Amino acid sequence: MKYMLLKTYAPAAYCDTPMTEWSPEEIRAHIDFQRALGAQLAESGELVDAQGLAGPAEARVVSSDGRSAPVVTDGPFPETKEFLAGYWIVDVDSAERAYAIAARASAAPGPGGTPIGEYIEVRAVMGAPATEQ
């Protein structure tokens, strides 16, 4: 079954120091951890995809009524400090395995190498319902 693990950046939730204030070595250790996790999941055949996402300043919200030009606005919610920072899609045998991967991702190193305990939301990926032809 496929699961999407959503990496939420919420500084106050796990660390008093925003990543923009981490040392270059701390950032490198964090990125190296993410790469190693991705490589291990790829090697085990569990990784479908993983990507980091641009920050909220680059995000846009698009809506359309299907008749007129789409409306494109800044977003989402630039006033909040919490945002979706990245994701993994994994194909695993159980929800428990997805939770174990999420727990490992949550413990990525932050300032001083201390695990940051960031929030990882785990959601099953749902397929489209079958249609009769």
Protein backbone atom coordinates (compact mmCIF):
# COMPACT_ATOMS: atom_id res chain seq x y z
CA MET A 1 0.00 0.00 0.00
CA LYS A 2 1.22 3.49 -0.78
CA TYR A 3 1.49 6.19 1.84
CA MET A 4 2.41 9.84 1.60
CA LEU A 5 4.53 11.15 4.45
CA LEU A 6 4.16 14.92 4.65
CA LYS A 7 7.00 16.85 6.27
CA THR A 8 5.67 19.91 8.08
CA TYR A 9 7.99 22.74 9.00
CA ALA A 10 6.76 24.28 12.24
CA PRO A 11 9.71 25.80 14.12
CA ALA A 12 8.01 26.31 17.48
CA ALA A 13 6.87 22.68 17.52
CA TYR A 14 10.31 21.09 17.60
CA CYS A 15 13.11 23.62 17.71
CA ASP A 16 13.53 27.18 18.88
CA THR A 17 16.02 27.92 16.09
CA PRO A 18 14.69 28.31 12.53
CA MET A 19 16.71 26.47 9.89
CA THR A 20 17.74 29.83 8.43
CA GLU A 21 19.80 30.31 11.61
CA TRP A 22 21.46 26.87 11.66
CA SER A 23 25.16 26.65 10.91
CA PRO A 24 26.21 25.39 7.46
CA GLU A 25 27.41 22.17 9.12
CA GLU A 26 24.02 21.62 10.81
CA ILE A 27 22.18 22.18 7.54
CA ARG A 28 24.57 19.81 5.75
CA ALA A 29 24.03 17.11 8.41
CA HIS A 30 20.26 17.50 8.07
CA ILE A 31 20.36 17.25 4.26
CA ASP A 32 22.78 14.31 4.41
CA PHE A 33 20.34 12.54 6.74
CA GLN A 34 17.47 13.14 4.29
CA ARG A 35 19.54 11.83 1.37
CA ALA A 36 20.62 8.74 3.31
CA LEU A 37 17.03 7.98 4.29
CA GLY A 38 15.95 8.31 0.66
CA ALA A 39 18.77 6.06 -0.51
CA GLN A 40 17.91 3.39 2.05
CA LEU A 41 14.22 3.47 1.09
CA ALA A 42 15.15 3.26 -2.60
CA GLU A 43 17.45 0.30 -1.91
CA SER A 44 14.69 -1.54 -0.02
CA GLY A 45 12.28 -0.87 -2.90
CA GLU A 46 9.93 1.16 -0.69
CA LEU A 47 10.57 4.63 -2.11
CA VAL A 48 8.20 5.84 -4.83
CA ASP A 49 9.18 9.54 -4.70
CA ALA A 50 10.54 12.15 -2.31
CA GLN A 51 10.91 15.88 -2.82
CA GLY A 52 11.48 19.03 -0.87
CA LEU A 53 9.10 21.89 -1.63
CA ALA A 54 9.71 25.60 -2.09
CA GLY A 55 8.73 27.79 0.84
CA PRO A 56 5.41 29.60 1.23
CA ALA A 57 6.74 32.77 -0.42
CA GLU A 58 6.88 30.82 -3.70
CA ALA A 59 3.48 29.11 -3.29
CA ARG A 60 0.35 30.15 -5.17
CA VAL A 61 -3.28 29.16 -4.79
CA VAL A 62 -5.26 28.70 -8.01
CA SER A 63 -9.04 28.55 -8.25
CA SER A 64 -11.35 28.43 -11.23
CA ASP A 65 -15.04 28.28 -11.96
CA GLY A 66 -14.27 26.59 -15.27
CA ARG A 67 -15.68 29.48 -17.31
CA SER A 68 -13.52 32.51 -16.67
CA ALA A 69 -9.79 33.04 -16.23
CA PRO A 70 -8.33 31.25 -13.20
CA VAL A 71 -7.61 33.31 -10.11
CA VAL A 72 -4.02 33.02 -8.88
CA THR A 73 -3.22 34.41 -5.44
CA ASP A 74 -0.33 34.30 -2.99
CA GLY A 75 -0.64 31.57 -0.48
CA PRO A 76 -1.20 29.53 1.38
CA PHE A 77 -1.46 31.54 4.55
CA PRO A 78 1.80 33.51 4.45
CA GLU A 79 1.21 34.77 8.00
CA THR A 80 1.75 31.32 9.51
CA LYS A 81 5.16 29.90 10.34
CA GLU A 82 4.01 26.35 9.64
CA PHE A 83 4.14 25.00 6.10
CA LEU A 84 4.51 21.84 4.04
CA ALA A 85 8.24 21.46 3.42
CA GLY A 86 8.43 18.17 1.55
CA TYR A 87 7.14 14.65 1.18
CA TRP A 88 7.95 11.01 0.64
CA ILE A 89 5.68 8.54 -1.10
CA VAL A 90 6.44 5.03 0.04
CA ASP A 91 5.03 1.67 -1.00
CA VAL A 92 5.09 -0.56 2.08
CA ASP A 93 3.38 -3.66 3.44
CA SER A 94 1.61 -1.98 6.36
CA ALA A 95 0.68 1.27 8.02
CA GLU A 96 3.04 0.33 10.84
CA ARG A 97 5.98 0.34 8.41
CA ALA A 98 4.91 3.78 7.14
CA TYR A 99 4.79 4.98 10.76
CA ALA A 100 8.27 3.60 11.41
CA ILE A 101 9.65 5.47 8.39
CA ALA A 102 7.86 8.64 9.53
CA ALA A 103 9.34 8.28 13.02
CA ARG A 104 12.81 7.95 11.54
CA ALA A 105 12.26 11.03 9.36
CA SER A 106 10.97 12.94 12.39
CA ALA A 107 14.24 12.35 14.20
CA ALA A 108 16.35 14.16 11.57
CA PRO A 109 19.21 16.11 13.15
CA GLY A 110 18.89 19.79 13.90
CA PRO A 111 21.06 22.27 15.81
CA GLY A 112 23.84 20.51 17.67
CA GLY A 113 22.83 17.21 16.03
CA THR A 114 19.81 16.89 18.32
CA PRO A 115 16.82 15.13 16.71
CA ILE A 116 14.25 17.78 15.87
CA GLY A 117 11.09 15.69 16.28
CA GLU A 118 9.31 17.42 13.42
CA TYR A 119 5.76 16.47 12.55
CA ILE A 120 5.35 13.92 9.76
CA GLU A 121 1.76 13.38 8.66
CA VAL A 122 1.08 9.90 7.27
CA ARG A 123 -1.75 9.43 4.77
CA ALA A 124 -2.73 6.43 2.71
CA VAL A 125 -2.72 7.16 -1.03
CA MET A 126 -6.13 6.29 -2.37
CA GLY A 127 -6.63 4.95 -5.86
CA ALA A 128 -9.44 6.07 -8.12
CA PRO A 129 -12.60 3.97 -7.87
CA ALA A 130 -13.10 1.44 -10.63
CA THR A 131 -15.52 2.46 -13.35
CA GLU A 132 -17.50 0.21 -15.62
CA GLN A 133 -17.22 0.68 -19.35
